[in-house]
């Protein structure tokens, strides 16, 4: 299992963003290493970089199954809520 070099936790989510987004978000000392989605999201939030349009799929690798998720921008989640 891979571990995040920023926080040390096991990285179970696989995602891909274009190089220019990775370089804009991830601090230079971590760019050549695995960074988990939680840390990537935190770095992006601090820098004000919206990255969700660049992720086509998000994969979770569990011990018994693998799941694929479709990311969405946190600002657009109102479409999923109903009264």
Protein backbone atom coordinates (compact mmCIF):
# COMPACT_ATOMS: atom_id res chain seq x y z
CA UNK A 1 0.00 0.00 0.00
CA UNK A 2 1.14 3.50 -0.74
CA UNK A 3 1.25 6.16 1.94
CA UNK A 4 0.82 9.88 1.58
CA UNK A 5 4.13 11.67 1.98
CA UNK A 6 2.37 14.77 3.36
CA UNK A 7 0.40 13.13 6.22
CA UNK A 8 1.67 9.53 6.37
CA UNK A 9 -1.74 7.88 6.03
CA UNK A 10 -2.44 4.99 3.68
CA UNK A 11 -3.66 6.30 0.34
CA UNK A 12 -6.68 4.29 -0.83
CA UNK A 13 -7.95 6.82 -3.38
CA UNK A 14 -6.46 7.04 -6.85
CA UNK A 15 -6.99 10.24 -8.80
CA UNK A 16 -5.29 12.12 -11.61
CA UNK A 17 -5.08 15.83 -12.38
CA UNK A 18 -3.12 17.53 -15.17
CA UNK A 19 0.48 18.43 -14.35
CA UNK A 20 -0.24 22.16 -14.27
CA UNK A 21 -2.91 21.64 -11.59
CA UNK A 22 -0.64 19.32 -9.57
CA UNK A 23 2.16 21.90 -9.66
CA UNK A 24 -0.21 24.75 -8.74
CA UNK A 25 -1.59 22.84 -5.74
CA UNK A 26 1.07 20.55 -4.25
CA UNK A 27 4.00 22.13 -2.39
CA UNK A 28 7.25 21.56 -4.25
CA UNK A 29 8.70 19.24 -1.58
CA UNK A 30 5.86 16.73 -2.18
CA UNK A 31 5.43 16.96 -5.97
CA UNK A 32 7.45 13.85 -6.79
CA UNK A 33 5.65 11.71 -4.21
CA UNK A 34 2.23 10.25 -3.42
CA UNK A 35 -0.16 12.82 -1.93
CA UNK A 36 -3.52 11.57 -0.70
CA UNK A 37 -6.75 13.15 -1.86
CA UNK A 38 -7.41 14.68 1.58
CA UNK A 39 -4.05 16.47 1.59
CA UNK A 40 -4.41 17.46 -2.07
CA UNK A 41 -7.84 18.91 -1.31
CA UNK A 42 -6.47 20.84 1.67
CA UNK A 43 -3.58 22.24 -0.37
CA UNK A 44 -6.00 23.24 -3.16
CA UNK A 45 -8.36 24.90 -0.71
CA UNK A 46 -5.55 26.96 0.84
CA UNK A 47 -4.47 28.13 -2.62
CA UNK A 48 -8.00 28.69 -3.92
CA UNK A 49 -7.57 26.20 -6.78
CA UNK A 50 -10.75 24.51 -8.02
CA UNK A 51 -9.58 21.11 -9.27
CA UNK A 52 -12.79 19.06 -9.49
CA UNK A 53 -13.36 19.78 -13.22
CA UNK A 54 -10.04 18.10 -13.94
CA UNK A 55 -10.77 14.79 -12.23
CA UNK A 56 -12.71 12.48 -14.53
CA UNK A 57 -12.94 9.59 -12.05
CA UNK A 58 -11.94 8.83 -8.51
CA UNK A 59 -11.14 5.26 -7.54
CA UNK A 60 -11.31 3.80 -4.05
CA UNK A 61 -9.29 0.62 -3.58
CA UNK A 62 -10.65 -1.30 -0.61
CA UNK A 63 -9.65 -4.69 0.65
CA UNK A 64 -12.64 -6.46 -0.95
CA UNK A 65 -13.81 -4.12 -3.67
CA UNK A 66 -12.90 -1.18 -5.86
CA UNK A 67 -15.34 1.68 -6.41
CA UNK A 68 -15.39 4.44 -9.02
CA UNK A 69 -16.83 7.84 -8.09
CA UNK A 70 -17.68 10.87 -10.20
CA UNK A 71 -16.31 14.02 -8.55
CA UNK A 72 -18.26 17.26 -8.37
CA UNK A 73 -17.42 20.74 -7.12
CA UNK A 74 -18.51 21.35 -3.51
CA UNK A 75 -20.19 24.56 -4.70
CA UNK A 76 -22.44 22.53 -7.02
CA UNK A 77 -23.80 19.98 -4.53
CA UNK A 78 -27.10 21.80 -4.07
CA UNK A 79 -28.41 19.88 -7.09
CA UNK A 80 -28.27 16.69 -4.99
CA UNK A 81 -30.28 17.94 -2.01
CA UNK A 82 -34.06 17.77 -1.88
CA UNK A 83 -36.51 18.84 0.77
